[in-house]
Amino acid sequence: MSETILDMKDIVKSYRMGDEDQVVLKGVNLVVHKGEFISILGPSGSGKSTMMNIIGCLDTPTSGTYLLGGRNITDQSQKQLARIRSKEIGFIFQSFQLLPRLSARENVELPLIYAHVPPQERKIRAEEMLKKVGLEEKMNHRPNQLSGGQQQRVAIARALANNPTILLADEPTGALDQKTGKQVMNLFKELNQEGNTIIMITHDINIAKYANRIVNILDGNLFEGDVNYA
C-alpha cells in the first residue's frame, strides 16, 4: 500500500447558532494515499465546503483527529496552519483567484514569494509550471487577456509551484463551459498520472467521474460509492 497522505478519524464540525449547536460534519473518516485522485461529491448544503476547509487547514474540527503527512493538524497554531497551507496544499478555486494586475508568470510566482524562494528561482519555476499546463506562449499575459480555461490553467500552475503534498480543487470547472471543463479535467488526469495527489470537491457526478475514487458526502456523513444527487 502506498504512503498515507491524509488520515481523518471521527471528524466532527459544529457551529454555535443561537442557543443550539449545528453539526455540519458528523464523525467523518477519510484516508487518502499518495498518488490518489479522489472526488468528494455532494449537493449544496451537504458539508463539502466545510470538509474542504478542514482538509485545506483553513478551519479546524470541533473534535476528531486529522493527520496530514503524519502531522496532527488539530494541534497546530494559526501561524503553523498558515505555514502548512503554504507548503502542503495547492489550492485551485472555481473563480481562479488570479490578481488582475499581474501577468500569468507573476501570479504563479506568488506562493513562491510567500515561501521565500529567491527571485531567479521563482521565475524559472513559474515558467516551468506554465509550460507544464501548456501556457508557455501566455506567460506575460494578464488574466483579462486570457480565456476562462487559460486562467484556470494559470491557477493550476500556481497551485503546483510549491510542489504541494495535495492539490485541493474546489469546483474547478464551475466557471467554465463544458468543452473547456473537459480540457481542464483531462489536465488533472495527466497531473495525477505524473504522481500528484488530487482531492476535488464537486457537486457534478460527470466531473467526479474523472477521479479514480468517489467519496460521497450527504448531510455531514461520508461514504464511498457512485451516487447521482441531481
C-alpha atoms as a PDB file:
ATOM      1  CA  MET A   1       0.000   0.000   0.000  1.00  0.00           C
ATOM      2  CA  SER A   2       1.310   3.463  -0.875  1.00  0.00           C
ATOM      3  CA  GLU A   3       2.099   6.107   1.717  1.00  0.00           C
ATOM      4  CA  THR A   4      -0.827   7.603   3.643  1.00  0.00           C
ATOM      5  CA  ILE A   5      -1.004  11.341   2.953  1.00  0.00           C
ATOM      6  CA  LEU A   6      -4.208  12.221   4.802  1.00  0.00           C
ATOM      7  CA  ASP A   7      -5.953  10.432   7.657  1.00  0.00           C
ATOM      8  CA  MET A   8      -9.140  11.803   9.212  1.00  0.00           C
ATOM      9  CA  LYS A   9     -10.688   9.989  12.154  1.00  0.00           C
ATOM     10  CA  ASP A  10     -14.119  10.807  13.635  1.00  0.00           C
ATOM     11  CA  ILE A  11     -14.060  14.422  12.429  1.00  0.00           C
ATOM     12  CA  VAL A  12     -16.931  16.473  13.837  1.00  0.00           C
ATOM     13  CA  LYS A  13     -17.508  20.127  12.983  1.00  0.00           C
ATOM     14  CA  SER A  14     -20.243  22.122  14.668  1.00  0.00           C
ATOM     15  CA  TYR A  15     -21.123  25.798  14.777  1.00  0.00           C
ATOM     16  CA  ARG A  16     -22.989  27.651  17.515  1.00  0.00           C
ATOM     17  CA  MET A  17     -26.243  29.034  16.076  1.00  0.00           C
ATOM     18  CA  GLY A  18     -28.087  30.981  18.774  1.00  0.00           C
ATOM     19  CA  ASP A  19     -28.747  28.544  21.617  1.00  0.00           C
ATOM     20  CA  GLU A  20     -28.014  25.424  19.583  1.00  0.00           C
ATOM     21  CA  ASP A  21     -25.024  23.670  18.018  1.00  0.00           C
ATOM     22  CA  GLN A  22     -25.439  22.960  14.315  1.00  0.00           C
ATOM     23  CA  VAL A  23     -23.435  19.846  13.428  1.00  0.00           C
ATOM     24  CA  VAL A  24     -22.111  20.091   9.852  1.00  0.00           C
ATOM     25  CA  LEU A  25     -19.734  17.086   9.820  1.00  0.00           C
ATOM     26  CA  LYS A  26     -20.827  14.005  11.768  1.00  0.00           C
ATOM     27  CA  GLY A  27     -17.885  11.781  12.597  1.00  0.00           C
ATOM     28  CA  VAL A  28     -16.216  11.751   9.183  1.00  0.00           C
ATOM     29  CA  ASN A  29     -13.475   9.219   8.416  1.00  0.00           C
ATOM     30  CA  LEU A  30     -11.266   9.514   5.327  1.00  0.00           C
ATOM     31  CA  VAL A  31      -7.890   8.093   4.292  1.00  0.00           C
ATOM     32  CA  VAL A  32      -6.081   9.303   1.167  1.00  0.00           C
ATOM     33  CA  HIS A  33      -2.901   7.678  -0.142  1.00  0.00           C
ATOM     34  CA  LYS A  34      -0.093   9.279  -2.092  1.00  0.00           C
ATOM     35  CA  GLY A  35      -0.906   9.474  -5.818  1.00  0.00           C
ATOM     36  CA  GLU A  36      -4.685   9.118  -5.438  1.00  0.00           C
ATOM     37  CA  PHE A  37      -7.190  11.243  -7.360  1.00  0.00           C
ATOM     38  CA  ILE A  38     -10.409  11.391  -5.354  1.00  0.00           C
ATOM     39  CA  SER A  39     -13.632  13.350  -5.703  1.00  0.00           C
ATOM     40  CA  ILE A  40     -15.707  14.422  -2.720  1.00  0.00           C
ATOM     41  CA  LEU A  41     -19.160  14.572  -4.278  1.00  0.00           C
ATOM     42  CA  GLY A  42     -22.200  16.160  -2.703  1.00  0.00           C
ATOM     43  CA  PRO A  43     -25.078  18.594  -3.212  1.00  0.00           C
ATOM     44  CA  SER A  44     -25.294  22.124  -1.815  1.00  0.00           C
ATOM     45  CA  GLY A  45     -25.555  22.066   1.969  1.00  0.00           C
ATOM     46  CA  SER A  46     -24.033  18.593   2.298  1.00  0.00           C
ATOM     47  CA  GLY A  47     -20.966  19.730   4.262  1.00  0.00           C
ATOM     48  CA  LYS A  48     -18.490  19.524   1.385  1.00  0.00           C
ATOM     49  CA  SER A  49     -17.292  23.143   1.732  1.00  0.00           C
ATOM     50  CA  THR A  50     -16.658  22.606   5.439  1.00  0.00           C
ATOM     51  CA  MET A  51     -14.825  19.395   4.552  1.00  0.00           C
ATOM     52  CA  MET A  52     -12.673  21.289   2.049  1.00  0.00           C
ATOM     53  CA  ASN A  53     -11.849  23.989   4.605  1.00  0.00           C
ATOM     54  CA  ILE A  54     -10.680  21.398   7.125  1.00  0.00           C
ATOM     55  CA  ILE A  55      -8.660  19.416   4.546  1.00  0.00           C
ATOM     56  CA  GLY A  56      -7.065  22.697   3.419  1.00  0.00           C
ATOM     57  CA  CYS A  57      -6.264  23.761   7.009  1.00  0.00           C
ATOM     58  CA  LEU A  58      -8.485  26.836   6.623  1.00  0.00           C
ATOM     59  CA  ASP A  59     -10.558  25.599   9.565  1.00  0.00           C
ATOM     60  CA  THR A  60     -10.116  23.105  12.382  1.00  0.00           C
ATOM     61  CA  PRO A  61     -12.522  20.377  13.528  1.00  0.00           C
ATOM     62  CA  THR A  62     -14.550  20.590  16.727  1.00  0.00           C
ATOM     63  CA  SER A  63     -13.381  17.076  17.586  1.00  0.00           C
ATOM     64  CA  GLY A  64     -11.583  14.160  15.961  1.00  0.00           C
ATOM     65  CA  THR A  65      -8.088  13.753  14.556  1.00  0.00           C
ATOM     66  CA  TYR A  66      -6.672  14.982  11.242  1.00  0.00           C
ATOM     67  CA  LEU A  67      -3.201  13.807  10.239  1.00  0.00           C
ATOM     68  CA  LEU A  68      -1.626  15.385   7.146  1.00  0.00           C
ATOM     69  CA  GLY A  69       1.676  13.814   6.171  1.00  0.00           C
ATOM     70  CA  GLY A  70       1.799  12.278   9.654  1.00  0.00           C
ATOM     71  CA  ARG A  71       1.434  15.673  11.372  1.00  0.00           C
ATOM     72  CA  ASN A  72      -1.544  16.219  13.695  1.00  0.00           C
ATOM     73  CA  ILE A  73      -3.270  19.289  12.238  1.00  0.00           C
ATOM     74  CA  THR A  74      -5.625  19.655  15.195  1.00  0.00           C
ATOM     75  CA  ASP A  75      -2.664  20.582  17.456  1.00  0.00           C
ATOM     76  CA  GLN A  76      -1.278  23.393  15.279  1.00  0.00           C
ATOM     77  CA  SER A  77      -1.386  27.147  15.950  1.00  0.00           C
ATOM     78  CA  GLN A  78      -2.793  29.568  13.366  1.00  0.00           C
ATOM     79  CA  LYS A  79       0.752  30.511  12.353  1.00  0.00           C
ATOM     80  CA  GLN A  80       1.676  26.834  11.916  1.00  0.00           C
ATOM     81  CA  LEU A  81      -1.518  26.217   9.918  1.00  0.00           C
ATOM     82  CA  ALA A  82      -0.614  29.105   7.585  1.00  0.00           C
ATOM     83  CA  ARG A  83       2.818  27.559   7.013  1.00  0.00           C
ATOM     84  CA  ILE A  84       1.255  24.142   6.328  1.00  0.00           C
ATOM     85  CA  ARG A  85      -1.202  25.691   3.826  1.00  0.00           C
ATOM     86  CA  SER A  86       1.684  27.412   2.068  1.00  0.00           C
ATOM     87  CA  LYS A  87       3.853  24.316   1.738  1.00  0.00           C
ATOM     88  CA  GLU A  88       1.496  21.331   1.739  1.00  0.00           C
ATOM     89  CA  ILE A  89      -1.722  22.433  -0.043  1.00  0.00           C
ATOM     90  CA  GLY A  90      -2.071  23.664  -3.621  1.00  0.00           C
ATOM     91  CA  PHE A  91      -5.454  25.399  -3.807  1.00  0.00           C
ATOM     92  CA  ILE A  92      -7.462  25.610  -7.058  1.00  0.00           C
ATOM     93  CA  PHE A  93     -10.673  27.636  -6.877  1.00  0.00           C
ATOM     94  CA  GLN A  94     -13.769  27.846  -9.055  1.00  0.00           C
ATOM     95  CA  SER A  95     -13.221  31.588  -9.604  1.00  0.00           C
ATOM     96  CA  PHE A  96      -9.459  31.257 -10.368  1.00  0.00           C
ATOM     97  CA  GLN A  97      -8.455  33.930  -7.772  1.00  0.00           C
ATOM     98  CA  LEU A  98      -5.815  35.489 -10.023  1.00  0.00           C
ATOM     99  CA  LEU A  99      -4.554  39.020  -9.358  1.00  0.00           C
ATOM    100  CA  PRO A 100      -5.643  41.115 -12.367  1.00  0.00           C
ATOM    101  CA  ARG A 101      -2.624  43.451 -12.439  1.00  0.00           C
ATOM    102  CA  LEU A 102      -0.095  40.610 -12.553  1.00  0.00           C
ATOM    103  CA  SER A 103       0.986  38.549 -15.537  1.00  0.00           C
ATOM    104  CA  ALA A 104       0.416  34.798 -15.658  1.00  0.00           C
ATOM    105  CA  ARG A 105       4.028  34.215 -14.592  1.00  0.00           C
ATOM    106  CA  GLU A 106       3.795  36.719 -11.722  1.00  0.00           C
ATOM    107  CA  ASN A 107       0.579  35.072 -10.484  1.00  0.00           C
ATOM    108  CA  VAL A 108       2.309  31.685 -10.433  1.00  0.00           C
ATOM    109  CA  GLU A 109       5.246  33.211  -8.541  1.00  0.00           C
ATOM    110  CA  LEU A 110       3.049  34.420  -5.659  1.00  0.00           C
ATOM    111  CA  PRO A 111       3.182  31.288  -3.454  1.00  0.00           C
ATOM    112  CA  LEU A 112       6.930  31.114  -4.080  1.00  0.00           C
ATOM    113  CA  ILE A 113       7.323  34.665  -2.741  1.00  0.00           C
ATOM    114  CA  TYR A 114       5.499  33.637   0.457  1.00  0.00           C
ATOM    115  CA  ALA A 115       7.799  30.608   0.654  1.00  0.00           C
ATOM    116  CA  HIS A 116      10.852  32.924   0.417  1.00  0.00           C
ATOM    117  CA  VAL A 117      12.140  31.385  -2.812  1.00  0.00           C
ATOM    118  CA  PRO A 118      14.854  33.622  -4.406  1.00  0.00           C
ATOM    119  CA  PRO A 119      13.656  35.756  -7.387  1.00  0.00           C
ATOM    120  CA  GLN A 120      15.568  33.996 -10.150  1.00  0.00           C
ATOM    121  CA  GLU A 121      14.498  30.547  -8.953  1.00  0.00           C
ATOM    122  CA  ARG A 122      10.905  31.808  -8.684  1.00  0.00           C
ATOM    123  CA  LYS A 123      10.950  32.948 -12.292  1.00  0.00           C
ATOM    124  CA  ILE A 124      12.392  29.646 -13.546  1.00  0.00           C
ATOM    125  CA  ARG A 125       9.949  27.537 -11.539  1.00  0.00           C
ATOM    126  CA  ALA A 126       6.930  29.630 -12.575  1.00  0.00           C
ATOM    127  CA  GLU A 127       7.883  29.290 -16.244  1.00  0.00           C
ATOM    128  CA  GLU A 128       8.296  25.519 -15.827  1.00  0.00           C
ATOM    129  CA  MET A 129       4.819  25.235 -14.277  1.00  0.00           C
ATOM    130  CA  LEU A 130       3.218  27.312 -17.057  1.00  0.00           C
ATOM    131  CA  LYS A 131       4.895  25.101 -19.668  1.00  0.00           C
ATOM    132  CA  LYS A 132       3.518  22.057 -17.836  1.00  0.00           C
ATOM    133  CA  VAL A 133      -0.049  23.364 -18.263  1.00  0.00           C
ATOM    134  CA  GLY A 134       0.516  24.382 -21.894  1.00  0.00           C
ATOM    135  CA  LEU A 135       0.756  28.151 -21.446  1.00  0.00           C
ATOM    136  CA  GLU A 136       4.363  28.877 -22.422  1.00  0.00           C
ATOM    137  CA  GLU A 137       3.063  31.361 -25.035  1.00  0.00           C
ATOM    138  CA  LYS A 138       0.961  33.271 -22.490  1.00  0.00           C
ATOM    139  CA  MET A 139       3.428  33.885 -19.648  1.00  0.00           C
ATOM    140  CA  ASN A 140       3.320  37.674 -19.906  1.00  0.00           C
ATOM    141  CA  HIS A 141      -0.444  37.943 -20.441  1.00  0.00           C
ATOM    142  CA  ARG A 142      -2.656  39.355 -17.710  1.00  0.00           C
ATOM    143  CA  PRO A 143      -5.806  37.458 -16.659  1.00  0.00           C
ATOM    144  CA  ASN A 144      -8.115  39.712 -18.730  1.00  0.00           C
ATOM    145  CA  GLN A 145      -6.139  38.692 -21.828  1.00  0.00           C
ATOM    146  CA  LEU A 146      -6.796  35.003 -21.169  1.00  0.00           C
ATOM    147  CA  SER A 147      -9.855  32.781 -21.652  1.00  0.00           C
ATOM    148  CA  GLY A 148     -11.529  31.161 -18.639  1.00  0.00           C
ATOM    149  CA  GLY A 149      -9.811  27.862 -19.366  1.00  0.00           C
ATOM    150  CA  GLN A 150      -6.421  29.549 -19.651  1.00  0.00           C
ATOM    151  CA  GLN A 151      -6.996  31.394 -16.365  1.00  0.00           C
ATOM    152  CA  GLN A 152      -7.775  28.095 -14.643  1.00  0.00           C
ATOM    153  CA  ARG A 153      -4.574  26.631 -16.087  1.00  0.00           C
ATOM    154  CA  VAL A 154      -2.642  29.544 -14.582  1.00  0.00           C
ATOM    155  CA  ALA A 155      -4.353  28.786 -11.269  1.00  0.00           C
ATOM    156  CA  ILE A 156      -3.323  25.124 -11.571  1.00  0.00           C
ATOM    157  CA  ALA A 157       0.267  26.147 -12.361  1.00  0.00           C
ATOM    158  CA  ARG A 158       0.234  28.395  -9.282  1.00  0.00           C
ATOM    159  CA  ALA A 159      -1.070  25.512  -7.149  1.00  0.00           C
ATOM    160  CA  LEU A 160       1.756  23.277  -8.422  1.00  0.00           C
ATOM    161  CA  ALA A 161       4.513  25.843  -7.881  1.00  0.00           C
ATOM    162  CA  ASN A 162       5.486  24.794  -4.343  1.00  0.00           C
ATOM    163  CA  ASN A 163       5.307  21.057  -5.142  1.00  0.00           C
ATOM    164  CA  PRO A 164       2.496  20.571  -2.587  1.00  0.00           C
ATOM    165  CA  THR A 165       1.559  17.320  -0.871  1.00  0.00           C
ATOM    166  CA  ILE A 166      -2.055  17.706  -2.087  1.00  0.00           C
ATOM    167  CA  LEU A 167      -3.742  19.576  -4.915  1.00  0.00           C
ATOM    168  CA  LEU A 168      -7.099  20.668  -3.460  1.00  0.00           C
ATOM    169  CA  ALA A 169      -9.586  21.734  -6.139  1.00  0.00           C
ATOM    170  CA  ASP A 170     -12.935  23.340  -5.281  1.00  0.00           C
ATOM    171  CA  GLU A 171     -15.445  23.030  -8.165  1.00  0.00           C
ATOM    172  CA  PRO A 172     -12.579  23.620 -10.656  1.00  0.00           C
ATOM    173  CA  THR A 173     -14.833  23.635 -13.739  1.00  0.00           C
ATOM    174  CA  GLY A 174     -17.730  25.567 -12.186  1.00  0.00           C
ATOM    175  CA  ALA A 175     -16.971  28.785 -14.114  1.00  0.00           C
ATOM    176  CA  LEU A 176     -16.149  27.057 -17.409  1.00  0.00           C
ATOM    177  CA  ASP A 177     -18.174  25.856 -20.390  1.00  0.00           C
ATOM    178  CA  GLN A 178     -18.480  22.104 -20.914  1.00  0.00           C
ATOM    179  CA  LYS A 179     -15.752  21.779 -23.570  1.00  0.00           C
ATOM    180  CA  THR A 180     -13.225  23.844 -21.594  1.00  0.00           C
ATOM    181  CA  GLY A 181     -14.165  21.970 -18.423  1.00  0.00           C
ATOM    182  CA  LYS A 182     -13.288  18.665 -20.105  1.00  0.00           C
ATOM    183  CA  GLN A 183      -9.896  20.057 -21.146  1.00  0.00           C
ATOM    184  CA  VAL A 184      -9.164  21.137 -17.581  1.00  0.00           C
ATOM    185  CA  MET A 185     -10.244  17.757 -16.195  1.00  0.00           C
ATOM    186  CA  ASN A 186      -8.018  15.955 -18.695  1.00  0.00           C
ATOM    187  CA  LEU A 187      -5.156  18.104 -17.395  1.00  0.00           C
ATOM    188  CA  PHE A 188      -5.976  16.950 -13.860  1.00  0.00           C
ATOM    189  CA  LYS A 189      -5.809  13.337 -15.032  1.00  0.00           C
ATOM    190  CA  GLU A 190      -2.391  13.974 -16.603  1.00  0.00           C
ATOM    191  CA  LEU A 191      -1.125  15.594 -13.402  1.00  0.00           C
ATOM    192  CA  ASN A 192      -2.381  12.630 -11.392  1.00  0.00           C
ATOM    193  CA  GLN A 193      -0.648  10.214 -13.751  1.00  0.00           C
ATOM    194  CA  GLU A 194       2.562  12.152 -13.062  1.00  0.00           C
ATOM    195  CA  GLY A 195       2.129  11.332  -9.368  1.00  0.00           C
ATOM    196  CA  ASN A 196       0.227  14.315  -7.968  1.00  0.00           C
ATOM    197  CA  THR A 197      -2.282  13.586  -5.196  1.00  0.00           C
ATOM    198  CA  ILE A 198      -5.556  15.366  -6.017  1.00  0.00           C
ATOM    199  CA  ILE A 199      -8.662  15.921  -3.888  1.00  0.00           C
ATOM    200  CA  MET A 200     -11.515  17.548  -5.781  1.00  0.00           C
ATOM    201  CA  ILE A 201     -14.735  18.933  -4.301  1.00  0.00           C
ATOM    202  CA  THR A 202     -17.707  18.895  -6.694  1.00  0.00           C
ATOM    203  CA  HIS A 203     -21.482  18.625  -6.948  1.00  0.00           C
ATOM    204  CA  ASP A 204     -21.311  17.264 -10.533  1.00  0.00           C
ATOM    205  CA  ILE A 205     -21.241  13.477 -10.986  1.00  0.00           C
ATOM    206  CA  ASN A 206     -19.814  13.834 -14.508  1.00  0.00           C
ATOM    207  CA  ILE A 207     -16.852  15.803 -13.175  1.00  0.00           C
ATOM    208  CA  ALA A 208     -16.467  13.481 -10.182  1.00  0.00           C
ATOM    209  CA  LYS A 209     -16.059  10.501 -12.528  1.00  0.00           C
ATOM    210  CA  TYR A 210     -12.730  11.845 -13.787  1.00  0.00           C
ATOM    211  CA  ALA A 211     -11.290  10.810 -10.417  1.00  0.00           C
ATOM    212  CA  ASN A 212     -10.181   7.268  -9.653  1.00  0.00           C
ATOM    213  CA  ARG A 213     -12.267   7.201  -6.481  1.00  0.00           C
ATOM    214  CA  ILE A 214     -15.500   8.903  -5.468  1.00  0.00           C
ATOM    215  CA  VAL A 215     -16.391   9.680  -1.857  1.00  0.00           C
ATOM    216  CA  ASN A 216     -19.919  10.963  -1.261  1.00  0.00           C
ATOM    217  CA  ILE A 217     -20.935  13.486   1.362  1.00  0.00           C
ATOM    218  CA  LEU A 218     -24.568  13.921   2.367  1.00  0.00           C
ATOM    219  CA  ASP A 219     -25.925  15.634   5.484  1.00  0.00           C
ATOM    220  CA  GLY A 220     -22.453  15.662   7.001  1.00  0.00           C
ATOM    221  CA  ASN A 221     -21.857  11.921   6.521  1.00  0.00           C
ATOM    222  CA  LEU A 222     -19.166  10.483   4.251  1.00  0.00           C
ATOM    223  CA  PHE A 223     -19.491   7.214   2.357  1.00  0.00           C
ATOM    224  CA  GLU A 224     -17.857   5.554  -0.659  1.00  0.00           C
ATOM    225  CA  GLY A 225     -19.540   4.890  -3.972  1.00  0.00           C
ATOM    226  CA  ASP A 226     -21.067   6.458  -7.060  1.00  0.00           C
ATOM    227  CA  VAL A 227     -24.340   8.264  -6.382  1.00  0.00           C
ATOM    228  CA  ASN A 228     -26.085  10.878  -8.514  1.00  0.00           C
ATOM    229  CA  TYR A 229     -27.565  13.688  -6.388  1.00  0.00           C
ATOM    230  CA  ALA A 230     -29.156  15.542  -9.339  1.00  0.00           C
END
